[in-house]
Structure formats: structure tokens, C-alpha cells
C-alpha atoms as a PDB file:
ATOM      1  CA  MET A   1     -22.238  63.873 -24.266  1.00  0.00           C
ATOM      2  CA  GLN A   2     -18.466  62.212 -23.976  1.00  0.00           C
ATOM      3  CA  ARG A   3     -15.617  61.423 -26.521  1.00  0.00           C
ATOM      4  CA  ILE A   4     -13.948  58.626 -25.124  1.00  0.00           C
ATOM      5  CA  THR A   5     -10.130  58.432 -26.843  1.00  0.00           C
ATOM      6  CA  LYS A   6      -9.411  55.013 -25.888  1.00  0.00           C
ATOM      7  CA  LEU A   7     -12.361  53.741 -28.354  1.00  0.00           C
ATOM      8  CA  GLN A   8     -11.342  55.905 -31.055  1.00  0.00           C
ATOM      9  CA  ARG A   9      -7.773  53.997 -30.943  1.00  0.00           C
ATOM     10  CA  LEU A  10      -9.772  50.605 -31.263  1.00  0.00           C
ATOM     11  CA  LEU A  11     -12.393  51.649 -33.706  1.00  0.00           C
ATOM     12  CA  PRO A  12     -10.764  49.393 -36.341  1.00  0.00           C
ATOM     13  CA  SER A  13     -12.064  46.539 -33.721  1.00  0.00           C
ATOM     14  CA  ILE A  14     -15.556  47.164 -33.684  1.00  0.00           C
ATOM     15  CA  SER A  15     -17.739  44.555 -34.538  1.00  0.00           C
ATOM     16  CA  GLU A  16     -21.306  44.725 -35.689  1.00  0.00           C
ATOM     17  CA  THR A  17     -23.327  41.629 -35.812  1.00  0.00           C
ATOM     18  CA  ASP A  18     -27.061  40.392 -35.379  1.00  0.00           C
ATOM     19  CA  GLU A  19     -26.556  40.559 -31.452  1.00  0.00           C
ATOM     20  CA  GLY A  20     -25.536  43.957 -31.355  1.00  0.00           C
ATOM     21  CA  MET A  21     -22.066  46.062 -31.656  1.00  0.00           C
ATOM     22  CA  SER A  22     -18.952  45.463 -29.648  1.00  0.00           C
ATOM     23  CA  ILE A  23     -15.536  46.416 -29.459  1.00  0.00           C
ATOM     24  CA  SER A  24     -12.094  44.613 -28.119  1.00  0.00           C
ATOM     25  CA  VAL A  25     -10.533  46.013 -25.328  1.00  0.00           C
ATOM     26  CA  TYR A  26      -7.417  44.756 -26.360  1.00  0.00           C
ATOM     27  CA  GLU A  27      -5.206  47.854 -28.313  1.00  0.00           C
ATOM     28  CA  GLY A  28      -1.584  47.895 -29.326  1.00  0.00           C
ATOM     29  CA  LYS A  29       0.780  45.412 -31.141  1.00  0.00           C
ATOM     30  CA  LEU A  30       1.923  42.057 -31.244  1.00  0.00           C
ATOM     31  CA  SER A  31       5.749  41.410 -30.633  1.00  0.00           C
ATOM     32  CA  THR A  32       7.566  38.511 -31.523  1.00  0.00           C
ATOM     33  CA  GLN A  33       8.838  37.839 -28.112  1.00  0.00           C
ATOM     34  CA  ILE A  34       5.569  38.046 -26.976  1.00  0.00           C
ATOM     35  CA  ILE A  35       4.648  35.208 -29.260  1.00  0.00           C
ATOM     36  CA  ILE A  36       8.105  33.195 -28.393  1.00  0.00           C
ATOM     37  CA  ASP A  37       7.027  33.234 -24.351  1.00  0.00           C
ATOM     38  CA  ASN A  38       3.711  32.457 -25.145  1.00  0.00           C
ATOM     39  CA  VAL A  39       4.529  29.412 -27.402  1.00  0.00           C
ATOM     40  CA  LYS A  40       6.992  28.509 -24.574  1.00  0.00           C
ATOM     41  CA  ARG A  41       4.033  28.541 -22.173  1.00  0.00           C
ATOM     42  CA  ILE A  42       2.006  26.397 -24.864  1.00  0.00           C
ATOM     43  CA  LYS A  43       4.325  23.697 -25.283  1.00  0.00           C
ATOM     44  CA  LYS A  44       5.113  23.207 -21.407  1.00  0.00           C
ATOM     45  CA  ALA A  45       1.353  22.700 -21.053  1.00  0.00           C
ATOM     46  CA  PHE A  46       0.494  20.843 -24.251  1.00  0.00           C
ATOM     47  CA  PRO A  47       3.542  18.712 -25.118  1.00  0.00           C
ATOM     48  CA  ALA A  48       1.765  16.336 -27.543  1.00  0.00           C
ATOM     49  CA  LEU A  49       1.065  19.319 -29.830  1.00  0.00           C
ATOM     50  CA  PRO A  50       2.925  18.693 -33.280  1.00  0.00           C
ATOM     51  CA  GLU A  51       5.517  21.558 -34.239  1.00  0.00           C
ATOM     52  CA  GLY A  52       3.723  22.460 -37.519  1.00  0.00           C
ATOM     53  CA  PHE A  53       0.742  23.648 -34.724  1.00  0.00           C
ATOM     54  CA  TYR A  54       3.004  26.480 -33.754  1.00  0.00           C
ATOM     55  CA  ASP A  55       3.609  27.555 -37.551  1.00  0.00           C
ATOM     56  CA  VAL A  56      -0.373  27.727 -38.058  1.00  0.00           C
ATOM     57  CA  LEU A  57      -1.016  29.502 -34.694  1.00  0.00           C
ATOM     58  CA  ALA A  58       1.502  32.093 -35.348  1.00  0.00           C
ATOM     59  CA  GLU A  59      -0.069  32.610 -38.955  1.00  0.00           C
ATOM     60  CA  ARG A  60      -3.575  32.955 -37.583  1.00  0.00           C
ATOM     61  CA  ILE A  61      -2.561  35.337 -34.534  1.00  0.00           C
ATOM     62  CA  THR A  62      -1.159  37.649 -36.854  1.00  0.00           C
ATOM     63  CA  ASP A  63      -3.905  37.554 -39.414  1.00  0.00           C
ATOM     64  CA  ASN A  64      -6.416  38.000 -36.467  1.00  0.00           C
ATOM     65  CA  THR A  65      -4.397  41.130 -35.426  1.00  0.00           C
ATOM     66  CA  PHE A  66      -3.950  39.991 -31.786  1.00  0.00           C
ATOM     67  CA  THR A  67      -1.830  41.965 -29.510  1.00  0.00           C
ATOM     68  CA  ASP A  68       0.383  41.473 -26.782  1.00  0.00           C
ATOM     69  CA  ASP A  69      -2.266  41.126 -24.017  1.00  0.00           C
ATOM     70  CA  ARG A  70      -5.041  39.709 -26.248  1.00  0.00           C
ATOM     71  CA  LEU A  71      -2.489  36.407 -27.009  1.00  0.00           C
ATOM     72  CA  THR A  72      -1.177  36.223 -23.097  1.00  0.00           C
ATOM     73  CA  ASP A  73      -4.855  36.354 -21.934  1.00  0.00           C
ATOM     74  CA  ALA A  74      -5.705  33.894 -24.920  1.00  0.00           C
ATOM     75  CA  VAL A  75      -2.835  31.322 -23.938  1.00  0.00           C
ATOM     76  CA  LYS A  76      -3.685  31.886 -20.069  1.00  0.00           C
ATOM     77  CA  ASN A  77      -7.418  31.109 -20.941  1.00  0.00           C
ATOM     78  CA  VAL A  78      -6.913  28.341 -22.800  1.00  0.00           C
ATOM     79  CA  ILE A  79      -4.411  26.224 -20.713  1.00  0.00           C
ATOM     80  CA  ASP A  80      -7.302  26.785 -17.677  1.00  0.00           C
ATOM     81  CA  THR A  81     -10.244  25.683 -19.708  1.00  0.00           C
ATOM     82  CA  CYS A  82      -9.123  23.232 -22.033  1.00  0.00           C
ATOM     83  CA  ILE A  83     -10.457  20.186 -21.147  1.00  0.00           C
ATOM     84  CA  TYR A  84      -9.309  17.481 -24.038  1.00  0.00           C
ATOM     85  CA  PRO A  85      -5.271  16.420 -24.360  1.00  0.00           C
ATOM     86  CA  THR A  86      -4.756  19.372 -26.748  1.00  0.00           C
ATOM     87  CA  PRO A  87      -6.249  22.592 -27.943  1.00  0.00           C
ATOM     88  CA  THR A  88      -7.450  23.759 -31.046  1.00  0.00           C
ATOM     89  CA  ILE A  89      -6.140  26.514 -32.673  1.00  0.00           C
ATOM     90  CA  ALA A  90      -9.677  28.050 -32.781  1.00  0.00           C
ATOM     91  CA  GLN A  91      -9.658  28.048 -28.810  1.00  0.00           C
ATOM     92  CA  PHE A  92      -6.948  30.628 -29.088  1.00  0.00           C
ATOM     93  CA  ILE A  93      -8.366  32.416 -31.706  1.00  0.00           C
ATOM     94  CA  SER A  94     -12.251  32.846 -30.762  1.00  0.00           C
ATOM     95  CA  PHE A  95     -10.398  34.550 -27.218  1.00  0.00           C
ATOM     96  CA  ASP A  96     -11.294  38.274 -26.840  1.00  0.00           C
ATOM     97  CA  ARG A  97     -12.853  40.699 -23.878  1.00  0.00           C
ATOM     98  CA  ARG A  98     -15.435  42.874 -25.962  1.00  0.00           C
ATOM     99  CA  ILE A  99     -17.083  46.222 -24.843  1.00  0.00           C
ATOM    100  CA  GLU A 100     -20.537  45.982 -25.380  1.00  0.00           C
ATOM    101  CA  ILE A 101     -21.690  49.190 -27.479  1.00  0.00           C
ATOM    102  CA  LEU A 102     -25.590  49.875 -27.652  1.00  0.00           C
ATOM    103  CA  LYS A 103     -27.203  52.370 -30.204  1.00  0.00           C
ATOM    104  CA  TYR A 104     -30.355  54.885 -28.827  1.00  0.00           C
ATOM    105  CA  GLU A 105     -32.622  51.806 -29.990  1.00  0.00           C
ATOM    106  CA  ASP A 106     -31.003  49.291 -27.631  1.00  0.00           C
ATOM    107  CA  MET A 107     -31.325  51.669 -25.047  1.00  0.00           C
ATOM    108  CA  LEU A 108     -35.028  51.899 -25.655  1.00  0.00           C
ATOM    109  CA  ARG A 109     -35.463  48.243 -25.622  1.00  0.00           C
ATOM    110  CA  LYS A 110     -33.292  47.708 -22.263  1.00  0.00           C
ATOM    111  CA  THR A 111     -35.487  50.312 -20.497  1.00  0.00           C
ATOM    112  CA  ASP A 112     -38.616  48.514 -22.011  1.00  0.00           C
ATOM    113  CA  GLU A 113     -37.222  45.245 -20.192  1.00  0.00           C
ATOM    114  CA  LEU A 114     -35.407  46.445 -17.340  1.00  0.00           C
ATOM    115  CA  GLY A 115     -36.831  50.030 -16.329  1.00  0.00           C
ATOM    116  CA  GLU A 116     -35.423  53.510 -16.253  1.00  0.00           C
ATOM    117  CA  TRP A 117     -32.351  52.773 -13.928  1.00  0.00           C
ATOM    118  CA  VAL A 118     -30.695  51.771 -17.539  1.00  0.00           C
ATOM    119  CA  TRP A 119     -30.019  55.363 -18.601  1.00  0.00           C
ATOM    120  CA  LYS A 120     -28.115  55.867 -15.322  1.00  0.00           C
ATOM    121  CA  HIS A 121     -26.025  52.667 -16.063  1.00  0.00           C
ATOM    122  CA  TYR A 122     -24.863  53.872 -19.385  1.00  0.00           C
ATOM    123  CA  LYS A 123     -22.662  56.718 -20.565  1.00  0.00           C
ATOM    124  CA  PRO A 124     -23.547  58.561 -24.113  1.00  0.00           C
ATOM    125  CA  ILE A 125     -20.390  58.489 -26.445  1.00  0.00           C
ATOM    126  CA  GLN A 126     -20.123  60.010 -29.679  1.00  0.00           C
ATOM    127  CA  LEU A 127     -17.690  57.682 -32.000  1.00  0.00           C
ATOM    128  CA  PRO A 128     -16.009  59.311 -35.133  1.00  0.00           C
ATOM    129  CA  ASP A 129     -17.562  57.359 -37.740  1.00  0.00           C
ATOM    130  CA  ARG A 130     -21.034  57.479 -36.355  1.00  0.00           C
ATOM    131  CA  GLU A 131     -23.921  60.283 -36.701  1.00  0.00           C
ATOM    132  CA  LYS A 132     -25.799  59.133 -33.753  1.00  0.00           C
ATOM    133  CA  LEU A 133     -24.858  58.640 -30.205  1.00  0.00           C
ATOM    134  CA  CYS A 134     -23.823  55.152 -28.930  1.00  0.00           C
ATOM    135  CA  TYR A 135     -23.927  54.129 -25.108  1.00  0.00           C
ATOM    136  CA  ILE A 136     -21.366  52.224 -22.876  1.00  0.00           C
ATOM    137  CA  HIS A 137     -22.216  50.672 -19.517  1.00  0.00           C
ATOM    138  CA  VAL A 138     -20.143  53.194 -17.072  1.00  0.00           C
ATOM    139  CA  ASP A 139     -18.797  49.535 -15.222  1.00  0.00           C
ATOM    140  CA  ASP A 140     -16.907  48.751 -18.570  1.00  0.00           C
ATOM    141  CA  ILE A 141     -15.746  52.653 -18.384  1.00  0.00           C
ATOM    142  CA  LYS A 142     -14.158  52.095 -15.215  1.00  0.00           C
ATOM    143  CA  LYS A 143     -13.081  48.496 -15.633  1.00  0.00           C
ATOM    144  CA  TYR A 144     -11.208  49.349 -18.831  1.00  0.00           C
ATOM    145  CA  ASN A 145     -10.106  52.889 -17.514  1.00  0.00           C
ATOM    146  CA  ILE A 146     -11.662  54.520 -20.471  1.00  0.00           C
ATOM    147  CA  GLN A 147     -10.899  57.862 -20.163  1.00  0.00           C
ATOM    148  CA  ASP A 148     -13.158  60.621 -21.348  1.00  0.00           C
ATOM    149  CA  ALA A 149     -11.156  63.288 -24.006  1.00  0.00           C
END
């Protein structure tokens, strides 16, 4: 059994939906300078956006607890993928990179679908607010540099 320190810091960003549990890979704060730098980048890429757009965007990224890295990645993603002349605020807000967290029942379903190899590719973790073990893919542990406690 492992206790994953980085996941403990990310606990507020755990999302549980009908599709399952996940957690954002982004951690940290949102600084004013990063907001300013990214607004400049957006203005250069989309000069037709009205000035009021940026006030609403700043409000929404703050309310959605963005971090410096998440905002920067969201802006880069929208610049790379926006197919209309101007983006919407939703295109920025909806951007996130998440790690899938599986419950034991999910692991059993995956085993039925894919076979026993599943147990070799997921590591058990104990989240502080959960009694039962959860599982995370070893590639996510490596990719996002999640260290064992």
C-alpha cells in the first residue's frame, strides 16, 4: 500500500462523477503576473476580443481555482485549437489535465474487460479522506512525478 504525498496536496481537486473519480494534476496558486502574461498572449492571438472579456475571464479562472500552470496550459491549448475567430471563456475554463482514480470495483470491471494484467499497471493508494484503497495508473505516477510518502 502506498500513500501518495502529491495526491494529498491535490485532494480539493478530486472530482467524482458518473464516469468515475479523477484529480487535477495542477497544484499551487494563481499569481497576478501569470494572469497578466497570459492576457497579453490572448490579446496577441485574438485581437478582436472585447476588453470586457478579460475581466470576466479573470473572475472565472479565480472562481475555478486555476493555478499558474493550468492557466498557461489552457491559454496555449486554446491558441492551438480554437477554430473560430474568437474563443469563448468556456474554452479556457474547461481545460484541465486529470488523473483517473479507480475504486476497487472499477479495478474488478477492468479486470473482467482486459484481464489480470490490469493489476500490474495500477498501484494502490490510500487517500486520507477514504477508508478503502483506490488505484492509480503507474504511467500517471511516472508522468506527473508523484512520489511515495
